PDB file of all heavy atoms in Angstrom:
ATOM      1  N   ASP A   1      54.639  74.951-100.174  1.00  0.00           N
ATOM      2  CA  ASP A   1      53.806  75.997-100.358  1.00  0.00           C
ATOM      3  C   ASP A   1      54.543  77.449-100.007  1.00  0.00           C
ATOM      4  O   ASP A   1      53.972  78.434-100.215  1.00  0.00           O
ATOM      5  CB  ASP A   1      52.517  75.867 -99.341  1.00  0.00           C
ATOM      6  CG  ASP A   1      52.871  75.855 -97.900  1.00  0.00           C
ATOM      7  OD1 ASP A   1      54.081  76.014 -97.568  1.00  0.00           O
ATOM      8  OD2 ASP A   1      51.937  75.656 -97.183  1.00  0.00           O
ATOM      9  N   MET A   2      55.861  77.304 -99.585  1.00  0.00           N
ATOM     10  CA  MET A   2      56.625  78.562 -99.623  1.00  0.00           C
ATOM     11  C   MET A   2      57.269  78.898-100.887  1.00  0.00           C
ATOM     12  O   MET A   2      57.883  79.892-101.051  1.00  0.00           O
ATOM     13  CB  MET A   2      57.760  78.393 -98.475  1.00  0.00           C
ATOM     14  CG  MET A   2      57.269  78.295 -97.057  1.00  0.00           C
ATOM     15  SD  MET A   2      56.592  79.845 -96.598  1.00  0.00           S
ATOM     16  CE  MET A   2      56.150  79.517 -94.822  1.00  0.00           C
ATOM     17  N   GLN A   3      57.037  77.989-101.878  1.00  0.00           N
ATOM     18  CA  GLN A   3      57.521  78.186-103.276  1.00  0.00           C
ATOM     19  C   GLN A   3      59.012  78.620-103.369  1.00  0.00           C
ATOM     20  O   GLN A   3      59.337  79.406-104.380  1.00  0.00           O
ATOM     21  CB  GLN A   3      56.581  79.214-103.932  1.00  0.00           C
ATOM     22  CG  GLN A   3      55.238  78.928-103.923  1.00  0.00           C
ATOM     23  CD  GLN A   3      54.304  79.929-104.491  1.00  0.00           C
ATOM     24  OE1 GLN A   3      54.466  81.159-104.060  1.00  0.00           O
ATOM     25  NE2 GLN A   3      53.259  79.651-105.241  1.00  0.00           N
ATOM     26  N   GLY A   4      59.788  78.085-102.468  1.00  0.00           N
ATOM     27  CA  GLY A   4      61.275  78.439-102.534  1.00  0.00           C
ATOM     28  C   GLY A   4      61.639  79.787-102.113  1.00  0.00           C
ATOM     29  O   GLY A   4      62.802  80.127-102.130  1.00  0.00           O
ATOM     30  N   ARG A   5      60.655  80.479-101.397  1.00  0.00           N
ATOM     31  CA  ARG A   5      60.917  81.898-100.776  1.00  0.00           C
ATOM     32  C   ARG A   5      61.883  82.790-101.560  1.00  0.00           C
ATOM     33  O   ARG A   5      62.567  83.662-101.021  1.00  0.00           O
ATOM     34  CB  ARG A   5      61.703  81.487 -99.438  1.00  0.00           C
ATOM     35  CG  ARG A   5      61.047  80.486 -98.448  1.00  0.00           C
ATOM     36  CD  ARG A   5      61.625  80.486 -97.175  1.00  0.00           C
ATOM     37  NE  ARG A   5      63.117  80.005 -97.249  1.00  0.00           N
ATOM     38  CZ  ARG A   5      63.578  78.908 -97.418  1.00  0.00           C
ATOM     39  NH1 ARG A   5      62.939  77.823 -97.559  1.00  0.00           N
ATOM     40  NH2 ARG A   5      65.004  78.720 -97.461  1.00  0.00           N
ATOM     41  N   ALA A   6      61.667  82.871-102.839  1.00  0.00           N
ATOM     42  CA  ALA A   6      62.438  83.816-103.660  1.00  0.00           C
ATOM     43  C   ALA A   6      61.983  85.277-103.374  1.00  0.00           C
ATOM     44  O   ALA A   6      60.804  85.461-102.980  1.00  0.00           O
ATOM     45  CB  ALA A   6      62.193  83.519-105.184  1.00  0.00           C
ATOM     46  N   THR A   7      62.931  86.113-103.347  1.00  0.00           N
ATOM     47  CA  THR A   7      62.759  87.498-103.113  1.00  0.00           C
ATOM     48  C   THR A   7      61.649  88.063-103.987  1.00  0.00           C
ATOM     49  O   THR A   7      61.647  87.705-105.237  1.00  0.00           O
ATOM     50  CB  THR A   7      64.039  88.322-103.203  1.00  0.00           C
ATOM     51  OG1 THR A   7      64.913  87.716-102.385  1.00  0.00           O
ATOM     52  CG2 THR A   7      63.824  89.667-102.761  1.00  0.00           C
ATOM     53  N   PHE A   8      60.652  88.973-103.556  1.00  0.00           N
ATOM     54  CA  PHE A   8      59.672  89.553-104.340  1.00  0.00           C
ATOM     55  C   PHE A   8      58.610  88.548-104.749  1.00  0.00           C
ATOM     56  O   PHE A   8      57.825  88.805-105.669  1.00  0.00           O
ATOM     57  CB  PHE A   8      60.221  90.232-105.617  1.00  0.00           C
ATOM     58  CG  PHE A   8      61.291  91.257-105.440  1.00  0.00           C
ATOM     59  CD1 PHE A   8      62.532  91.150-105.940  1.00  0.00           C
ATOM     60  CD2 PHE A   8      60.977  92.217-104.641  1.00  0.00           C
ATOM     61  CE1 PHE A   8      63.436  92.036-105.763  1.00  0.00           C
ATOM     62  CE2 PHE A   8      62.017  93.194-104.328  1.00  0.00           C
ATOM     63  CZ  PHE A   8      63.395  93.031-105.038  1.00  0.00           C
ATOM     64  N   THR A   9      58.429  87.538-103.932  1.00  0.00           N
ATOM     65  CA  THR A   9      57.368  86.548-104.274  1.00  0.00           C
ATOM     66  C   THR A   9      56.381  86.376-103.086  1.00  0.00           C
ATOM     67  O   THR A   9      56.799  86.634-102.018  1.00  0.00           O
ATOM     68  CB  THR A   9      57.930  85.211-104.620  1.00  0.00           C
ATOM     69  OG1 THR A   9      58.486  84.582-103.527  1.00  0.00           O
ATOM     70  CG2 THR A   9      58.924  85.188-105.742  1.00  0.00           C
ATOM     71  N   PRO A  10      55.205  85.923-103.304  1.00  0.00           N
ATOM     72  CA  PRO A  10      54.320  85.573-102.099  1.00  0.00           C
ATOM     73  C   PRO A  10      54.886  84.574-101.125  1.00  0.00           C
ATOM     74  O   PRO A  10      54.605  84.656 -99.965  1.00  0.00           O
ATOM     75  CB  PRO A  10      52.998  85.073-102.851  1.00  0.00           C
ATOM     76  CG  PRO A  10      53.040  85.668-104.244  1.00  0.00           C
ATOM     77  CD  PRO A  10      54.479  85.790-104.570  1.00  0.00           C
ATOM     78  N   GLY A  11      55.680  83.706-101.596  1.00  0.00           N
ATOM     79  CA  GLY A  11      56.274  82.654-100.810  1.00  0.00           C
ATOM     80  C   GLY A  11      57.222  83.370 -99.834  1.00  0.00           C
ATOM     81  O   GLY A  11      57.390  82.911 -98.575  1.00  0.00           O
ATOM     82  N   ASN A  12      57.989  84.323-100.259  1.00  0.00           N
ATOM     83  CA  ASN A  12      58.921  85.045 -99.429  1.00  0.00           C
ATOM     84  C   ASN A  12      58.173  85.827 -98.390  1.00  0.00           C
ATOM     85  O   ASN A  12      58.493  85.772 -97.191  1.00  0.00           O
ATOM     86  CB  ASN A  12      59.809  86.019-100.296  1.00  0.00           C
ATOM     87  CG  ASN A  12      60.816  86.598 -99.458  1.00  0.00           C
ATOM     88  OD1 ASN A  12      60.712  87.786 -98.933  1.00  0.00           O
ATOM     89  ND2 ASN A  12      62.014  86.058 -99.486  1.00  0.00           N
ATOM     90  N   ASP A  13      57.020  86.463 -98.671  1.00  0.00           N
ATOM     91  CA  ASP A  13      56.187  87.227 -97.816  1.00  0.00           C
ATOM     92  C   ASP A  13      55.612  86.141 -96.754  1.00  0.00           C
ATOM     93  O   ASP A  13      55.547  86.514 -95.579  1.00  0.00           O
ATOM     94  CB  ASP A  13      55.088  87.920 -98.504  1.00  0.00           C
ATOM     95  CG  ASP A  13      55.625  89.016 -99.348  1.00  0.00           C
ATOM     96  OD1 ASP A  13      56.756  89.560 -99.254  1.00  0.00           O
ATOM     97  OD2 ASP A  13      54.907  89.485-100.272  1.00  0.00           O
ATOM     98  N   LYS A  14      55.234  84.999 -97.139  1.00  0.00           N
ATOM     99  CA  LYS A  14      54.518  84.042 -96.350  1.00  0.00           C
ATOM    100  C   LYS A  14      55.585  83.521 -95.271  1.00  0.00           C
ATOM    101  O   LYS A  14      55.215  83.378 -94.106  1.00  0.00           O
ATOM    102  CB  LYS A  14      54.131  82.850 -97.099  1.00  0.00           C
ATOM    103  CG  LYS A  14      53.391  81.866 -96.362  1.00  0.00           C
ATOM    104  CD  LYS A  14      52.695  80.782 -97.238  1.00  0.00           C
ATOM    105  CE  LYS A  14      51.867  79.770 -96.414  1.00  0.00           C
ATOM    106  NZ  LYS A  14      51.218  78.779 -97.372  1.00  0.00           N
ATOM    107  N   ALA A  15      56.843  83.351 -95.703  1.00  0.00           N
ATOM    108  CA  ALA A  15      57.995  83.003 -94.720  1.00  0.00           C
ATOM    109  C   ALA A  15      58.117  84.091 -93.762  1.00  0.00           C
ATOM    110  O   ALA A  15      58.347  83.726 -92.584  1.00  0.00           O
ATOM    111  CB  ALA A  15      59.140  82.645 -95.565  1.00  0.00           C
ATOM    112  N   ALA A  16      58.183  85.429 -94.188  1.00  0.00           N
ATOM    113  CA  ALA A  16      58.415  86.378 -93.215  1.00  0.00           C
ATOM    114  C   ALA A  16      57.251  86.525 -92.223  1.00  0.00           C
ATOM    115  O   ALA A  16      57.531  86.647 -90.973  1.00  0.00           O
ATOM    116  CB  ALA A  16      58.475  87.770 -94.090  1.00  0.00           C
ATOM    117  N   ALA A  17      55.992  86.159 -92.697  1.00  0.00           N
ATOM    118  CA  ALA A  17      54.895  86.335 -91.704  1.00  0.00           C
ATOM    119  C   ALA A  17      55.079  85.192 -90.720  1.00  0.00           C
ATOM    120  O   ALA A  17      54.737  85.329 -89.492  1.00  0.00           O
ATOM    121  CB  ALA A  17      53.634  86.220 -92.506  1.00  0.00           C
ATOM    122  N   PHE A  18      55.432  83.950 -91.189  1.00  0.00           N
ATOM    123  CA  PHE A  18      55.655  82.921 -90.193  1.00  0.00           C
ATOM    124  C   PHE A  18      56.743  83.317 -89.146  1.00  0.00           C
ATOM    125  O   PHE A  18      56.552  82.916 -87.881  1.00  0.00           O
ATOM    126  CB  PHE A  18      56.051  81.729 -90.946  1.00  0.00           C
ATOM    127  CG  PHE A  18      56.473  80.474 -90.057  1.00  0.00           C
ATOM    128  CD1 PHE A  18      55.555  79.789 -89.373  1.00  0.00           C
ATOM    129  CD2 PHE A  18      57.902  80.177 -89.960  1.00  0.00           C
ATOM    130  CE1 PHE A  18      56.028  78.782 -88.480  1.00  0.00           C
ATOM    131  CE2 PHE A  18      58.243  79.209 -89.155  1.00  0.00           C
ATOM    132  CZ  PHE A  18      57.386  78.416 -88.373  1.00  0.00           C
ATOM    133  N   ILE A  19      57.876  83.839 -89.583  1.00  0.00           N
ATOM    134  CA  ILE A  19      58.858  84.243 -88.685  1.00  0.00           C
ATOM    135  C   ILE A  19      58.402  85.172 -87.671  1.00  0.00           C
ATOM    136  O   ILE A  19      58.665  85.003 -86.506  1.00  0.00           O
ATOM    137  CB  ILE A  19      60.098  84.620 -89.418  1.00  0.00           C
ATOM    138  CG1 ILE A  19      60.759  83.433 -90.366  1.00  0.00           C
ATOM    139  CG2 ILE A  19      61.261  85.088 -88.422  1.00  0.00           C
ATOM    140  CD1 ILE A  19      61.632  83.907 -91.394  1.00  0.00           C
ATOM    141  N   ALA A  20      57.729  86.172 -88.165  1.00  0.00           N
ATOM    142  CA  ALA A  20      57.203  87.182 -87.247  1.00  0.00           C
ATOM    143  C   ALA A  20      56.227  86.531 -86.263  1.00  0.00           C
ATOM    144  O   ALA A  20      56.345  87.004 -85.107  1.00  0.00           O
ATOM    145  CB  ALA A  20      56.469  88.313 -88.084  1.00  0.00           C
ATOM    146  N   ASP A  21      55.386  85.619 -86.675  1.00  0.00           N
ATOM    147  CA  ASP A  21      54.561  85.002 -85.691  1.00  0.00           C
ATOM    148  C   ASP A  21      55.301  84.229 -84.675  1.00  0.00           C
ATOM    149  O   ASP A  21      54.848  84.189 -83.449  1.00  0.00           O
ATOM    150  CB  ASP A  21      53.635  84.129 -86.438  1.00  0.00           C
ATOM    151  CG  ASP A  21      52.454  83.649 -85.649  1.00  0.00           C
ATOM    152  OD1 ASP A  21      51.749  84.486 -84.981  1.00  0.00           O
ATOM    153  OD2 ASP A  21      52.237  82.380 -85.482  1.00  0.00           O
ATOM    154  N   GLU A  22      56.385  83.508 -85.050  1.00  0.00           N
ATOM    155  CA  GLU A  22      57.213  82.791 -84.013  1.00  0.00           C
ATOM    156  C   GLU A  22      57.697  83.886 -83.012  1.00  0.00           C
ATOM    157  O   GLU A  22      57.873  83.570 -81.904  1.00  0.00           O
ATOM    158  CB  GLU A  22      58.316  82.077 -84.788  1.00  0.00           C
ATOM    159  CG  GLU A  22      57.794  80.868 -85.549  1.00  0.00           C
ATOM    160  CD  GLU A  22      57.164  79.800 -84.687  1.00  0.00           C
ATOM    161  OE1 GLU A  22      57.893  79.384 -83.622  1.00  0.00           O
ATOM    162  OE2 GLU A  22      56.153  79.352 -84.984  1.00  0.00           O
ATOM    163  N   PHE A  23      58.263  84.896 -83.470  1.00  0.00           N
ATOM    164  CA  PHE A  23      58.768  85.993 -82.614  1.00  0.00           C
ATOM    165  C   PHE A  23      57.637  86.518 -81.658  1.00  0.00           C
ATOM    166  O   PHE A  23      57.947  86.582 -80.441  1.00  0.00           O
ATOM    167  CB  PHE A  23      59.330  87.205 -83.450  1.00  0.00           C
ATOM    168  CG  PHE A  23      60.651  86.928 -84.186  1.00  0.00           C
ATOM    169  CD1 PHE A  23      61.073  87.871 -84.918  1.00  0.00           C
ATOM    170  CD2 PHE A  23      61.367  85.733 -83.892  1.00  0.00           C
ATOM    171  CE1 PHE A  23      62.364  87.698 -85.614  1.00  0.00           C
ATOM    172  CE2 PHE A  23      62.593  85.637 -84.430  1.00  0.00           C
ATOM    173  CZ  PHE A  23      63.035  86.571 -85.411  1.00  0.00           C
ATOM    174  N   LYS A  24      56.502  86.608 -82.168  1.00  0.00           N
ATOM    175  CA  LYS A  24      55.360  87.117 -81.304  1.00  0.00           C
ATOM    176  C   LYS A  24      55.059  86.020 -80.245  1.00  0.00           C
ATOM    177  O   LYS A  24      54.955  86.353 -79.013  1.00  0.00           O
ATOM    178  CB  LYS A  24      54.074  87.415 -82.279  1.00  0.00           C
ATOM    179  CG  LYS A  24      52.935  87.934 -81.336  1.00  0.00           C
ATOM    180  CD  LYS A  24      51.756  88.253 -82.228  1.00  0.00           C
ATOM    181  CE  LYS A  24      50.601  88.860 -81.490  1.00  0.00           C
ATOM    182  NZ  LYS A  24      49.480  89.155 -82.461  1.00  0.00           N
ATOM    183  N   LYS A  25      55.031  84.780 -80.673  1.00  0.00           N
ATOM    184  CA  LYS A  25      54.739  83.837 -79.712  1.00  0.00           C
ATOM    185  C   LYS A  25      55.856  83.630 -78.669  1.00  0.00           C
ATOM    186  O   LYS A  25      55.541  83.322 -77.444  1.00  0.00           O
ATOM    187  CB  LYS A  25      54.463  82.408 -80.349  1.00  0.00           C
ATOM    188  CG  LYS A  25      53.278  82.433 -81.191  1.00  0.00           C
ATOM    189  CD  LYS A  25      53.174  81.066 -81.968  1.00  0.00           C
ATOM    190  CE  LYS A  25      51.931  81.037 -82.835  1.00  0.00           C
ATOM    191  NZ  LYS A  25      51.877  79.711 -83.664  1.00  0.00           N
ATOM    192  N   THR A  26      57.009  83.964 -79.044  1.00  0.00           N
ATOM    193  CA  THR A  26      58.081  83.840 -78.125  1.00  0.00           C
ATOM    194  C   THR A  26      58.070  84.966 -77.182  1.00  0.00           C
ATOM    195  O   THR A  26      58.662  84.777 -75.959  1.00  0.00           O
ATOM    196  CB  THR A  26      59.400  83.828 -78.895  1.00  0.00           C
ATOM    197  OG1 THR A  26      59.430  82.780 -79.834  1.00  0.00           O
ATOM    198  CG2 THR A  26      60.786  83.848 -77.985  1.00  0.00           C
ATOM    199  N   GLY A  27      57.581  86.076 -77.488  1.00  0.00           N
ATOM    200  CA  GLY A  27      57.467  87.244 -76.566  1.00  0.00           C
ATOM    201  C   GLY A  27      58.574  88.180 -76.759  1.00  0.00           C
ATOM    202  O   GLY A  27      58.866  89.047 -75.849  1.00  0.00           O
ATOM    203  N   LEU A  28      59.184  88.265 -77.977  1.00  0.00           N
ATOM    204  CA  LEU A  28      60.183  89.273 -78.325  1.00  0.00           C
ATOM    205  C   LEU A  28      59.589  90.652 -78.491  1.00  0.00           C
ATOM    206  O   LEU A  28      58.435  90.656 -78.960  1.00  0.00           O
ATOM    207  CB  LEU A  28      60.946  88.715 -79.571  1.00  0.00           C
ATOM    208  CG  LEU A  28      61.754  87.502 -79.488  1.00  0.00           C
ATOM    209  CD1 LEU A  28      62.498  87.276 -80.801  1.00  0.00           C
ATOM    210  CD2 LEU A  28      62.677  87.321 -78.299  1.00  0.00           C
ATOM    211  N   GLN A  29      60.287  91.620 -78.271  1.00  0.00           N
ATOM    212  CA  GLN A  29      59.875  92.934 -78.571  1.00  0.00           C
ATOM    213  C   GLN A  29      60.168  93.346 -80.064  1.00  0.00           C
ATOM    214  O   GLN A  29      60.970  92.723 -80.708  1.00  0.00           O
ATOM    215  CB  GLN A  29      60.555  94.044 -77.691  1.00  0.00           C
ATOM    216  CG  GLN A  29      60.171  93.963 -76.308  1.00  0.00           C
ATOM    217  CD  GLN A  29      60.754  95.106 -75.444  1.00  0.00           C
ATOM    218  OE1 GLN A  29      61.173  96.124 -75.883  1.00  0.00           O
ATOM    219  NE2 GLN A  29      60.698  95.006 -74.139  1.00  0.00           N
ATOM    220  N   THR A  30      59.443  94.337 -80.588  1.00  0.00           N
ATOM    221  CA  THR A  30      59.687  94.836 -81.971  1.00  0.00           C
ATOM    222  C   THR A  30      60.851  95.922 -82.006  1.00  0.00           C
ATOM    223  O   THR A  30      61.194  96.356 -80.941  1.00  0.00           O
ATOM    224  CB  THR A  30      58.480  95.421 -82.500  1.00  0.00           C
ATOM    225  OG1 THR A  30      57.981  96.398 -81.699  1.00  0.00           O
ATOM    226  CG2 THR A  30      57.336  94.403 -82.659  1.00  0.00           C
ATOM    227  N   TRP A  31      61.409  96.076 -83.093  1.00  0.00           N
ATOM    228  CA  TRP A  31      62.586  97.066 -83.195  1.00  0.00           C
ATOM    229  C   TRP A  31      62.029  98.442 -82.880  1.00  0.00           C
ATOM    230  O   TRP A  31      61.089  98.836 -83.470  1.00  0.00           O
ATOM    231  CB  TRP A  31      63.046  96.941 -84.619  1.00  0.00           C
ATOM    232  CG  TRP A  31      64.252  97.898 -84.958  1.00  0.00           C
ATOM    233  CD1 TRP A  31      64.149  98.989 -85.641  1.00  0.00           C
ATOM    234  CD2 TRP A  31      65.509  97.956 -84.370  1.00  0.00           C
ATOM    235  NE1 TRP A  31      65.420  99.610 -85.805  1.00  0.00           N
ATOM    236  CE2 TRP A  31      66.140  99.049 -84.933  1.00  0.00           C
ATOM    237  CE3 TRP A  31      66.125  97.097 -83.484  1.00  0.00           C
ATOM    238  CZ2 TRP A  31      67.533  99.293 -84.559  1.00  0.00           C
ATOM    239  CZ3 TRP A  31      67.505  97.379 -83.155  1.00  0.00           C
ATOM    240  CH2 TRP A  31      68.267  98.423 -83.775  1.00  0.00           C
ATOM    241  N   MET A  32      62.661  99.056 -82.003  1.00  0.00           N
ATOM    242  CA  MET A  32      62.270 100.518 -81.462  1.00  0.00           C
ATOM    243  C   MET A  32      60.826 100.515 -80.980  1.00  0.00           C
ATOM    244  O   MET A  32      60.176 101.469 -80.941  1.00  0.00           O
ATOM    245  CB  MET A  32      62.423 101.449 -82.588  1.00  0.00           C
ATOM    246  CG  MET A  32      63.851 101.567 -83.268  1.00  0.00           C
ATOM    247  SD  MET A  32      64.971 102.221 -81.995  1.00  0.00           S
ATOM    248  CE  MET A  32      66.436 102.425 -82.932  1.00  0.00           C
ATOM    249  N   ASN A  33      60.330  99.393 -80.568  1.00  0.00           N
ATOM    250  CA  ASN A  33      58.912  99.224 -80.163  1.00  0.00           C
ATOM    251  C   ASN A  33      57.951  99.826 -81.063  1.00  0.00           C
ATOM    252  O   ASN A  33      57.029 100.449 -80.806  1.00  0.00           O
ATOM    253  CB  ASN A  33      58.841  99.909 -78.811  1.00  0.00           C
ATOM    254  CG  ASN A  33      59.455  99.103 -77.699  1.00  0.00           C
ATOM    255  OD1 ASN A  33      59.253  97.827 -77.476  1.00  0.00           O
ATOM    256  ND2 ASN A  33      60.228  99.818 -76.849  1.00  0.00           N
ATOM    257  N   ASN A  34      58.195  99.527 -82.436  1.00  0.00           N
ATOM    258  CA  ASN A  34      57.373 100.188 -83.486  1.00  0.00           C
ATOM    259  C   ASN A  34      56.247  99.261 -83.676  1.00  0.00           C
ATOM    260  O   ASN A  34      55.377  99.776 -84.627  1.00  0.00           O
ATOM    261  CB  ASN A  34      58.175 100.399 -84.751  1.00  0.00           C
ATOM    262  CG  ASN A  34      58.598  99.157 -85.481  1.00  0.00           C
ATOM    263  OD1 ASN A  34      58.319  98.002 -85.025  1.00  0.00           O
ATOM    264  ND2 ASN A  34      59.368  99.220 -86.475  1.00  0.00           N
ATOM    265  N   GLY A  35      55.986  98.171 -83.181  1.00  0.00           N
ATOM    266  CA  GLY A  35      54.734  97.453 -83.273  1.00  0.00           C
ATOM    267  C   GLY A  35      54.677  96.461 -84.284  1.00  0.00           C
ATOM    268  O   GLY A  35      53.763  95.781 -84.528  1.00  0.00           O
ATOM    269  N   SER A  36      55.845  96.414 -85.060  1.00  0.00           N
ATOM    270  CA  SER A  36      55.842  95.335 -86.161  1.00  0.00           C
ATOM    271  C   SER A  36      57.263  94.622 -86.157  1.00  0.00           C
ATOM    272  O   SER A  36      58.272  95.317 -86.020  1.00  0.00           O
ATOM    273  CB  SER A  36      55.691  96.019 -87.563  1.00  0.00           C
ATOM    274  OG  SER A  36      55.849  95.084 -88.548  1.00  0.00           O
ATOM    275  N   TYR A  37      57.190  93.326 -86.366  1.00  0.00           N
ATOM    276  CA  TYR A  37      58.472  92.603 -86.452  1.00  0.00           C
ATOM    277  C   TYR A  37      59.073  92.743 -87.945  1.00  0.00           C
ATOM    278  O   TYR A  37      60.251  92.293 -88.099  1.00  0.00           O
ATOM    279  CB  TYR A  37      58.301  91.121 -86.106  1.00  0.00           C
ATOM    280  CG  TYR A  37      57.770  90.914 -84.659  1.00  0.00           C
ATOM    281  CD1 TYR A  37      56.529  90.594 -84.414  1.00  0.00           C
ATOM    282  CD2 TYR A  37      58.729  91.008 -83.608  1.00  0.00           C
ATOM    283  CE1 TYR A  37      56.098  90.433 -83.136  1.00  0.00           C
ATOM    284  CE2 TYR A  37      58.281  90.746 -82.383  1.00  0.00           C
ATOM    285  CZ  TYR A  37      57.006  90.466 -82.112  1.00  0.00           C
ATOM    286  OH  TYR A  37      56.606  90.270 -80.783  1.00  0.00           O
ATOM    287  N   LEU A  38      58.463  93.227 -88.758  1.00  0.00           N
ATOM    288  CA  LEU A  38      58.908  93.384 -90.118  1.00  0.00           C
ATOM    289  C   LEU A  38      59.694  94.657 -90.199  1.00  0.00           C
ATOM    290  O   LEU A  38      59.304  95.811 -89.697  1.00  0.00           O
ATOM    291  CB  LEU A  38      57.790  93.529 -91.160  1.00  0.00           C
ATOM    292  CG  LEU A  38      56.834  92.295 -91.102  1.00  0.00           C
ATOM    293  CD1 LEU A  38      55.779  92.379 -92.368  1.00  0.00           C
ATOM    294  CD2 LEU A  38      57.664  90.975 -91.374  1.00  0.00           C
ATOM    295  N   GLN A  39      60.896  94.699 -90.874  1.00  0.00           N
ATOM    296  CA  GLN A  39      61.718  95.935 -91.172  1.00  0.00           C
ATOM    297  C   GLN A  39      61.702  96.123 -92.614  1.00  0.00           C
ATOM    298  O   GLN A  39      62.374  95.609 -93.366  1.00  0.00           O
ATOM    299  CB  GLN A  39      63.135  95.614 -90.652  1.00  0.00           C
ATOM    300  CG  GLN A  39      64.083  96.822 -90.863  1.00  0.00           C
ATOM    301  CD  GLN A  39      65.600  96.504 -90.597  1.00  0.00           C
ATOM    302  OE1 GLN A  39      66.003  95.556 -91.047  1.00  0.00           O
ATOM    303  NE2 GLN A  39      66.175  97.287 -89.808  1.00  0.00           N
ATOM    304  N   PRO A  40      60.711  97.014 -93.006  1.00  0.00           N
ATOM    305  CA  PRO A  40      60.601  97.324 -94.464  1.00  0.00           C
ATOM    306  C   PRO A  40      61.732  98.181 -95.034  1.00  0.00           C
ATOM    307  O   PRO A  40      62.245  98.967 -94.292  1.00  0.00           O
ATOM    308  CB  PRO A  40      59.222  97.942 -94.571  1.00  0.00           C
ATOM    309  CG  PRO A  40      59.054  98.731 -93.227  1.00  0.00           C
ATOM    310  CD  PRO A  40      59.798  97.845 -92.255  1.00  0.00           C
ATOM    311  N   PHE A  41      62.063  97.876 -96.271  1.00  0.00           N
ATOM    312  CA  PHE A  41      62.959  98.899 -96.953  1.00  0.00           C
ATOM    313  C   PHE A  41      62.655  98.808 -98.438  1.00  0.00           C
ATOM    314  O   PHE A  41      62.017  97.765 -98.915  1.00  0.00           O
ATOM    315  CB  PHE A  41      64.385  98.540 -96.710  1.00  0.00           C
ATOM    316  CG  PHE A  41      64.889  97.206 -97.110  1.00  0.00           C
ATOM    317  CD1 PHE A  41      65.596  97.009 -98.309  1.00  0.00           C
ATOM    318  CD2 PHE A  41      64.664  96.126 -96.256  1.00  0.00           C
ATOM    319  CE1 PHE A  41      66.042  95.704 -98.733  1.00  0.00           C
ATOM    320  CE2 PHE A  41      65.148  94.740 -96.624  1.00  0.00           C
ATOM    321  CZ  PHE A  41      65.728  94.588 -97.871  1.00  0.00           C
ATOM    322  N   VAL A  42      63.103  99.737 -99.081  1.00  0.00           N
ATOM    323  CA  VAL A  42      62.816  99.869-100.582  1.00  0.00           C
ATOM    324  C   VAL A  42      64.126  99.643-101.381  1.00  0.00           C
ATOM    325  O   VAL A  42      65.150 100.191-101.152  1.00  0.00           O
ATOM    326  CB  VAL A  42      62.116 101.157-100.935  1.00  0.00           C
ATOM    327  CG1 VAL A  42      62.001 101.432-102.363  1.00  0.00           C
ATOM    328  CG2 VAL A  42      60.798 101.330-100.321  1.00  0.00           C
TER     329      VAL A  42
END
């Protein structure tokens, strides 16, 4: 159901959300305390 995690696909986004949730459960801080484990770029 991760559909191979290809870049620019819902499967890739789903994998990112899972990793972020694992970080949250672990108790890690976010980058620069910005409130999100995701580091977006264009």
